[in-house]
Amino acid sequence: MKCAKLNTFQFLFLFCFLLLHVQCGNPNRIEQQGRSLINEKRDARGNLLMQQFALDDTVDFEIIYYYPNGHVKRAFHAKDSLQHGLDREYFMNANLKLEGNWFKGKKTGDFKYYDSTGKLATIRKYIVFRDTDICKNE
């Protein structure tokens, strides 16, 4: 199986990285559990859509997207404007849809994909080799 690179995510990380640096001096930052809320987006009704947190005064950050019903849609970490660390995506019914880790913008290790009932559907293994992602289905 050939794995495609997701340039959309790279754009998203660059955009979020820029937002992080623009908002760092914001006096309205909210501190919670070793992280600072630096950006938040809401829809016209006031429903929370996205939160961005700086982690422990570093360039690391966490981004959480929400469904209109308030359930978490996706939560992931980034470092140096690249996705880095745990990534979890959820169905609207709050069941886990995807779980995996990133290393410097590349998928690494097991990526687990679930169906909408929460049952494990597929595991894909990723190995980072220099500048190339190698994917192996199981």
N, C-alpha and C. Protein backbone atom coordinates (compact mmCIF):
# COMPACT_ATOMS: atom_id res chain seq x y z
N MET A 1 0.84 -1.18 0.00
CA MET A 1 0.00 0.00 0.00
C MET A 1 0.88 1.24 0.00
N LYS A 2 0.60 2.17 -0.85
CA LYS A 2 1.35 3.42 -0.91
C LYS A 2 0.67 4.44 -0.01
N CYS A 3 1.43 5.11 0.82
CA CYS A 3 0.89 6.09 1.75
C CYS A 3 1.11 7.49 1.19
N ALA A 4 0.07 8.26 1.11
CA ALA A 4 0.17 9.61 0.59
C ALA A 4 0.50 10.58 1.72
N LYS A 5 1.29 11.59 1.39
CA LYS A 5 1.58 12.63 2.37
C LYS A 5 0.42 13.60 2.40
N LEU A 6 0.10 14.11 3.56
CA LEU A 6 -1.04 14.99 3.72
C LEU A 6 -0.57 16.43 3.82
N ASN A 7 -0.47 17.09 2.70
CA ASN A 7 -0.03 18.48 2.69
C ASN A 7 -1.01 19.38 3.42
N THR A 8 -2.26 18.99 3.51
CA THR A 8 -3.25 19.77 4.25
C THR A 8 -2.84 19.88 5.71
N PHE A 9 -2.35 18.78 6.29
CA PHE A 9 -1.92 18.82 7.69
C PHE A 9 -0.72 19.73 7.85
N GLN A 10 0.19 19.70 6.92
CA GLN A 10 1.36 20.56 7.01
C GLN A 10 0.93 22.02 7.01
N PHE A 11 -0.04 22.36 6.15
CA PHE A 11 -0.55 23.71 6.12
C PHE A 11 -1.22 24.05 7.46
N LEU A 12 -2.01 23.12 7.98
CA LEU A 12 -2.68 23.34 9.25
C LEU A 12 -1.68 23.60 10.37
N PHE A 13 -0.61 22.82 10.41
CA PHE A 13 0.39 23.01 11.45
C PHE A 13 1.10 24.35 11.32
N LEU A 14 1.42 24.75 10.11
CA LEU A 14 2.06 26.05 9.91
C LEU A 14 1.13 27.16 10.36
N PHE A 15 -0.14 27.07 9.98
CA PHE A 15 -1.13 28.06 10.38
C PHE A 15 -1.24 28.13 11.90
N CYS A 16 -1.34 26.98 12.54
CA CYS A 16 -1.45 26.94 14.00
C CYS A 16 -0.19 27.44 14.68
N PHE A 17 0.95 27.12 14.09
CA PHE A 17 2.22 27.59 14.63
C PHE A 17 2.26 29.12 14.60
N LEU A 18 1.82 29.71 13.51
CA LEU A 18 1.79 31.17 13.42
C LEU A 18 0.81 31.75 14.45
N LEU A 19 -0.34 31.12 14.59
CA LEU A 19 -1.29 31.59 15.61
C LEU A 19 -0.69 31.52 17.01
N LEU A 20 0.05 30.46 17.26
CA LEU A 20 0.70 30.28 18.55
C LEU A 20 1.61 31.47 18.85
N HIS A 21 2.43 31.85 17.89
CA HIS A 21 3.37 32.93 18.13
C HIS A 21 2.70 34.29 18.18
N VAL A 22 1.63 34.49 17.45
CA VAL A 22 0.91 35.75 17.50
C VAL A 22 0.20 35.90 18.84
N GLN A 23 -0.32 34.80 19.39
CA GLN A 23 -1.10 34.85 20.62
C GLN A 23 -0.28 34.72 21.89
N CYS A 24 1.01 34.43 21.79
CA CYS A 24 1.81 34.17 23.00
C CYS A 24 1.80 35.34 23.98
N GLY A 25 1.73 36.56 23.49
CA GLY A 25 1.72 37.71 24.37
C GLY A 25 0.34 38.09 24.85
N ASN A 26 -0.65 37.30 24.61
CA ASN A 26 -2.03 37.59 24.94
C ASN A 26 -2.22 37.59 26.46
N PRO A 27 -2.65 38.72 27.03
CA PRO A 27 -2.86 38.77 28.48
C PRO A 27 -4.06 37.95 28.94
N ASN A 28 -4.89 37.48 28.00
CA ASN A 28 -6.07 36.70 28.35
C ASN A 28 -5.79 35.21 28.39
N ARG A 29 -4.53 34.81 28.39
CA ARG A 29 -4.20 33.38 28.43
C ARG A 29 -4.76 32.75 29.69
N ILE A 30 -5.26 31.56 29.56
CA ILE A 30 -5.82 30.82 30.70
C ILE A 30 -4.91 29.65 30.99
N GLU A 31 -4.42 29.56 32.23
CA GLU A 31 -3.53 28.47 32.63
C GLU A 31 -4.36 27.32 33.20
N GLN A 32 -4.08 26.09 32.72
CA GLN A 32 -4.73 24.92 33.29
C GLN A 32 -3.85 23.70 33.05
N GLN A 33 -3.55 23.00 34.12
CA GLN A 33 -2.81 21.74 34.08
C GLN A 33 -1.53 21.82 33.25
N GLY A 34 -0.69 22.83 33.50
CA GLY A 34 0.58 22.94 32.80
C GLY A 34 0.46 23.38 31.36
N ARG A 35 -0.68 23.90 30.99
CA ARG A 35 -0.86 24.37 29.63
C ARG A 35 -1.64 25.68 29.65
N SER A 36 -1.43 26.49 28.63
CA SER A 36 -2.09 27.79 28.55
C SER A 36 -2.98 27.84 27.33
N LEU A 37 -4.23 28.20 27.52
CA LEU A 37 -5.15 28.39 26.40
C LEU A 37 -4.74 29.65 25.67
N ILE A 38 -4.37 29.52 24.40
CA ILE A 38 -3.92 30.69 23.65
C ILE A 38 -4.84 31.05 22.49
N ASN A 39 -5.72 30.15 22.11
CA ASN A 39 -6.63 30.44 21.02
C ASN A 39 -7.88 29.57 21.18
N GLU A 40 -9.00 30.14 20.80
CA GLU A 40 -10.27 29.43 20.89
C GLU A 40 -11.18 29.94 19.79
N LYS A 41 -11.89 29.03 19.14
CA LYS A 41 -12.86 29.43 18.12
C LYS A 41 -14.22 28.87 18.46
N ARG A 42 -15.25 29.69 18.21
CA ARG A 42 -16.62 29.29 18.45
C ARG A 42 -17.46 29.60 17.21
N ASP A 43 -18.55 28.87 17.04
CA ASP A 43 -19.44 29.15 15.92
C ASP A 43 -20.36 30.30 16.30
N ALA A 44 -21.29 30.67 15.40
CA ALA A 44 -22.18 31.81 15.61
C ALA A 44 -23.08 31.62 16.83
N ARG A 45 -23.35 30.37 17.21
CA ARG A 45 -24.18 30.10 18.38
C ARG A 45 -23.38 30.04 19.68
N GLY A 46 -22.07 30.16 19.57
CA GLY A 46 -21.23 30.11 20.76
C GLY A 46 -20.69 28.73 21.09
N ASN A 47 -20.99 27.74 20.23
CA ASN A 47 -20.47 26.39 20.46
C ASN A 47 -18.97 26.36 20.22
N LEU A 48 -18.26 25.71 21.10
CA LEU A 48 -16.82 25.59 20.99
C LEU A 48 -16.45 24.72 19.79
N LEU A 49 -15.59 25.22 18.91
CA LEU A 49 -15.14 24.47 17.74
C LEU A 49 -13.68 24.03 17.84
N MET A 50 -12.85 24.86 18.48
CA MET A 50 -11.41 24.56 18.53
C MET A 50 -10.78 25.27 19.71
N GLN A 51 -9.81 24.60 20.33
CA GLN A 51 -8.98 25.21 21.36
C GLN A 51 -7.53 24.88 21.04
N GLN A 52 -6.67 25.84 21.30
CA GLN A 52 -5.23 25.63 21.10
C GLN A 52 -4.53 25.98 22.41
N PHE A 53 -3.69 25.06 22.87
CA PHE A 53 -2.98 25.23 24.13
C PHE A 53 -1.48 25.23 23.90
N ALA A 54 -0.77 26.13 24.57
CA ALA A 54 0.69 26.05 24.65
C ALA A 54 1.00 25.16 25.85
N LEU A 55 1.98 24.30 25.68
CA LEU A 55 2.32 23.35 26.75
C LEU A 55 3.59 23.77 27.46
N ASP A 56 3.51 24.01 28.73
CA ASP A 56 4.67 24.28 29.59
C ASP A 56 5.62 25.33 29.03
N ASP A 57 5.10 26.43 28.49
CA ASP A 57 5.92 27.54 27.99
C ASP A 57 6.99 27.09 26.99
N THR A 58 6.66 26.14 26.13
CA THR A 58 7.58 25.70 25.08
C THR A 58 6.91 25.95 23.74
N VAL A 59 7.56 25.53 22.66
CA VAL A 59 6.93 25.64 21.34
C VAL A 59 5.98 24.48 21.08
N ASP A 60 5.86 23.58 22.04
CA ASP A 60 4.92 22.48 21.92
C ASP A 60 3.50 23.01 22.13
N PHE A 61 2.56 22.43 21.39
CA PHE A 61 1.18 22.82 21.62
C PHE A 61 0.23 21.67 21.34
N GLU A 62 -0.97 21.82 21.85
CA GLU A 62 -2.03 20.83 21.68
C GLU A 62 -3.21 21.54 21.04
N ILE A 63 -3.84 20.88 20.07
CA ILE A 63 -5.01 21.44 19.41
C ILE A 63 -6.15 20.44 19.56
N ILE A 64 -7.31 20.95 19.94
CA ILE A 64 -8.49 20.11 20.12
C ILE A 64 -9.62 20.71 19.29
N TYR A 65 -10.18 19.89 18.40
CA TYR A 65 -11.34 20.28 17.61
C TYR A 65 -12.57 19.60 18.19
N TYR A 66 -13.72 20.30 18.10
CA TYR A 66 -14.96 19.80 18.68
C TYR A 66 -16.06 19.72 17.63
N TYR A 67 -16.95 18.74 17.80
CA TYR A 67 -18.18 18.69 17.02
C TYR A 67 -19.15 19.72 17.60
N PRO A 68 -20.15 20.15 16.83
CA PRO A 68 -21.14 21.10 17.37
C PRO A 68 -21.86 20.59 18.62
N ASN A 69 -21.94 19.26 18.79
CA ASN A 69 -22.59 18.71 19.99
C ASN A 69 -21.69 18.75 21.23
N GLY A 70 -20.45 19.25 21.08
CA GLY A 70 -19.55 19.40 22.22
C GLY A 70 -18.56 18.26 22.39
N HIS A 71 -18.75 17.16 21.71
CA HIS A 71 -17.80 16.04 21.80
C HIS A 71 -16.51 16.38 21.07
N VAL A 72 -15.42 15.84 21.56
CA VAL A 72 -14.13 16.05 20.91
C VAL A 72 -14.13 15.36 19.56
N LYS A 73 -13.70 16.08 18.54
CA LYS A 73 -13.58 15.53 17.19
C LYS A 73 -12.16 15.02 16.95
N ARG A 74 -11.18 15.80 17.38
CA ARG A 74 -9.78 15.42 17.19
C ARG A 74 -8.93 16.16 18.21
N ALA A 75 -7.92 15.47 18.72
CA ALA A 75 -6.96 16.08 19.64
C ALA A 75 -5.58 15.58 19.25
N PHE A 76 -4.65 16.52 19.09
CA PHE A 76 -3.29 16.13 18.71
C PHE A 76 -2.28 17.14 19.24
N HIS A 77 -1.02 16.73 19.23
CA HIS A 77 0.08 17.58 19.68
C HIS A 77 0.98 17.93 18.51
N ALA A 78 1.69 19.02 18.66
CA ALA A 78 2.64 19.45 17.63
C ALA A 78 3.85 20.07 18.32
N LYS A 79 4.97 20.01 17.62
CA LYS A 79 6.21 20.58 18.12
C LYS A 79 6.96 21.16 16.94
N ASP A 80 7.47 22.37 17.09
CA ASP A 80 8.20 23.04 16.01
C ASP A 80 7.38 23.06 14.73
N SER A 81 6.09 23.34 14.83
CA SER A 81 5.13 23.44 13.74
C SER A 81 4.87 22.13 13.00
N LEU A 82 5.29 21.00 13.56
CA LEU A 82 5.03 19.68 12.97
C LEU A 82 4.24 18.83 13.95
N GLN A 83 3.35 18.00 13.42
CA GLN A 83 2.62 17.10 14.30
C GLN A 83 3.62 16.17 14.97
N HIS A 84 3.51 16.05 16.31
CA HIS A 84 4.48 15.28 17.07
C HIS A 84 3.81 14.78 18.34
N GLY A 85 3.69 13.47 18.46
CA GLY A 85 3.05 12.90 19.64
C GLY A 85 1.72 12.26 19.30
N LEU A 86 0.93 12.06 20.32
CA LEU A 86 -0.33 11.33 20.20
C LEU A 86 -1.36 12.10 19.37
N ASP A 87 -2.08 11.37 18.53
CA ASP A 87 -3.16 11.91 17.71
C ASP A 87 -4.36 11.00 17.89
N ARG A 88 -5.49 11.59 18.28
CA ARG A 88 -6.73 10.83 18.44
C ARG A 88 -7.84 11.56 17.71
N GLU A 89 -8.62 10.78 16.96
CA GLU A 89 -9.78 11.32 16.27
C GLU A 89 -10.99 10.50 16.68
N TYR A 90 -12.15 11.18 16.80
CA TYR A 90 -13.35 10.54 17.31
C TYR A 90 -14.52 10.70 16.34
N PHE A 91 -15.44 9.75 16.39
CA PHE A 91 -16.70 9.89 15.68
C PHE A 91 -17.59 10.85 16.46
N MET A 92 -18.65 11.33 15.81
CA MET A 92 -19.56 12.26 16.49
C MET A 92 -20.22 11.63 17.71
N ASN A 93 -20.33 10.30 17.74
CA ASN A 93 -20.92 9.62 18.90
C ASN A 93 -19.91 9.42 20.03
N ALA A 94 -18.72 10.02 19.90
CA ALA A 94 -17.65 10.02 20.90
C ALA A 94 -16.82 8.74 20.92
N ASN A 95 -17.10 7.78 20.05
CA ASN A 95 -16.26 6.59 19.94
C ASN A 95 -14.97 6.93 19.20
N LEU A 96 -13.91 6.28 19.62
CA LEU A 96 -12.61 6.49 19.01
C LEU A 96 -12.63 6.05 17.55
N LYS A 97 -12.08 6.89 16.66
CA LYS A 97 -12.04 6.62 15.23
C LYS A 97 -10.62 6.26 14.79
N LEU A 98 -9.63 6.93 15.37
CA LEU A 98 -8.23 6.78 14.97
C LEU A 98 -7.34 7.09 16.16
N GLU A 99 -6.26 6.33 16.28
CA GLU A 99 -5.28 6.61 17.33
C GLU A 99 -3.91 6.24 16.79
N GLY A 100 -2.96 7.16 16.93
CA GLY A 100 -1.61 6.90 16.47
C GLY A 100 -0.66 7.98 16.94
N ASN A 101 0.62 7.78 16.68
CA ASN A 101 1.65 8.73 17.07
C ASN A 101 2.38 9.29 15.86
N TRP A 102 2.83 10.50 16.02
CA TRP A 102 3.61 11.19 14.99
C TRP A 102 4.99 11.51 15.57
N PHE A 103 5.99 11.54 14.70
CA PHE A 103 7.33 11.94 15.08
C PHE A 103 7.84 12.94 14.04
N LYS A 104 7.97 14.19 14.48
CA LYS A 104 8.44 15.26 13.60
C LYS A 104 7.69 15.31 12.28
N GLY A 105 6.37 15.24 12.34
CA GLY A 105 5.53 15.37 11.16
C GLY A 105 5.30 14.10 10.37
N LYS A 106 5.78 12.97 10.87
CA LYS A 106 5.62 11.70 10.16
C LYS A 106 4.96 10.67 11.07
N LYS A 107 4.05 9.89 10.48
CA LYS A 107 3.40 8.83 11.24
C LYS A 107 4.44 7.79 11.64
N THR A 108 4.30 7.30 12.87
CA THR A 108 5.24 6.28 13.34
C THR A 108 4.51 5.28 14.23
N GLY A 109 4.91 4.03 14.13
CA GLY A 109 4.30 3.00 14.96
C GLY A 109 2.95 2.57 14.44
N ASP A 110 2.14 2.05 15.35
CA ASP A 110 0.82 1.54 14.99
C ASP A 110 -0.20 2.67 14.92
N PHE A 111 -0.93 2.73 13.82
CA PHE A 111 -2.10 3.60 13.71
C PHE A 111 -3.31 2.68 13.71
N LYS A 112 -4.17 2.88 14.69
CA LYS A 112 -5.34 2.02 14.86
C LYS A 112 -6.58 2.77 14.37
N TYR A 113 -7.33 2.11 13.50
CA TYR A 113 -8.55 2.67 12.94
C TYR A 113 -9.73 1.84 13.44
N TYR A 114 -10.78 2.54 13.89
CA TYR A 114 -11.93 1.89 14.48
C TYR A 114 -13.18 2.20 13.66
N ASP A 115 -14.18 1.31 13.76
CA ASP A 115 -15.47 1.61 13.13
C ASP A 115 -16.30 2.45 14.10
N SER A 116 -17.47 2.89 13.66
CA SER A 116 -18.27 3.82 14.48
C SER A 116 -18.81 3.20 15.77
N THR A 117 -18.75 1.88 15.88
CA THR A 117 -19.19 1.23 17.12
C THR A 117 -18.05 1.10 18.13
N GLY A 118 -16.84 1.48 17.71
CA GLY A 118 -15.69 1.40 18.60
C GLY A 118 -14.87 0.14 18.42
N LYS A 119 -15.23 -0.69 17.46
CA LYS A 119 -14.51 -1.94 17.21
C LYS A 119 -13.29 -1.67 16.32
N LEU A 120 -12.15 -2.24 16.71
CA LEU A 120 -10.93 -2.08 15.94
C LEU A 120 -11.12 -2.65 14.54
N ALA A 121 -10.87 -1.85 13.51
CA ALA A 121 -11.07 -2.27 12.13
C ALA A 121 -9.75 -2.58 11.42
N THR A 122 -8.75 -1.74 11.61
CA THR A 122 -7.49 -1.89 10.90
C THR A 122 -6.34 -1.35 11.75
N ILE A 123 -5.19 -1.99 11.61
CA ILE A 123 -3.96 -1.46 12.20
C ILE A 123 -2.97 -1.28 11.06
N ARG A 124 -2.40 -0.10 10.97
CA ARG A 124 -1.35 0.15 10.00
C ARG A 124 -0.09 0.50 10.75
N LYS A 125 1.01 -0.12 10.36
CA LYS A 125 2.30 0.18 10.98
C LYS A 125 3.07 1.14 10.09
N TYR A 126 3.65 2.15 10.72
CA TYR A 126 4.45 3.12 9.99
C TYR A 126 5.86 3.13 10.56
N ILE A 127 6.81 3.22 9.67
CA ILE A 127 8.21 3.31 10.05
C ILE A 127 8.78 4.55 9.38
N VAL A 128 9.44 5.39 10.16
CA VAL A 128 10.07 6.57 9.59
C VAL A 128 11.49 6.20 9.19
N PHE A 129 11.78 6.36 7.92
CA PHE A 129 13.12 6.08 7.40
C PHE A 129 13.58 7.30 6.64
N ARG A 130 14.46 8.05 7.24
CA ARG A 130 14.93 9.33 6.68
C ARG A 130 13.75 10.24 6.41
N ASP A 131 13.54 10.68 5.17
CA ASP A 131 12.46 11.60 4.86
C ASP A 131 11.25 10.92 4.25
N THR A 132 11.13 9.61 4.41
CA THR A 132 10.05 8.86 3.77
C THR A 132 9.24 8.11 4.81
N ASP A 133 7.94 8.12 4.66
CA ASP A 133 7.06 7.30 5.50
C ASP A 133 6.90 5.96 4.79
N ILE A 134 7.06 4.90 5.53
CA ILE A 134 6.84 3.55 4.98
C ILE A 134 5.65 2.98 5.72
N CYS A 135 4.67 2.51 5.00
CA CYS A 135 3.45 2.00 5.59
C CYS A 135 3.32 0.51 5.31
N LYS A 136 2.89 -0.22 6.31
CA LYS A 136 2.68 -1.66 6.15
C LYS A 136 1.33 -2.00 6.76
N ASN A 137 0.45 -2.60 5.99
CA ASN A 137 -0.86 -3.01 6.51
C ASN A 137 -0.73 -4.30 7.28
N GLU A 138 -1.56 -4.45 8.29
CA GLU A 138 -1.62 -5.72 9.02
C GLU A 138 -3.03 -6.23 9.04
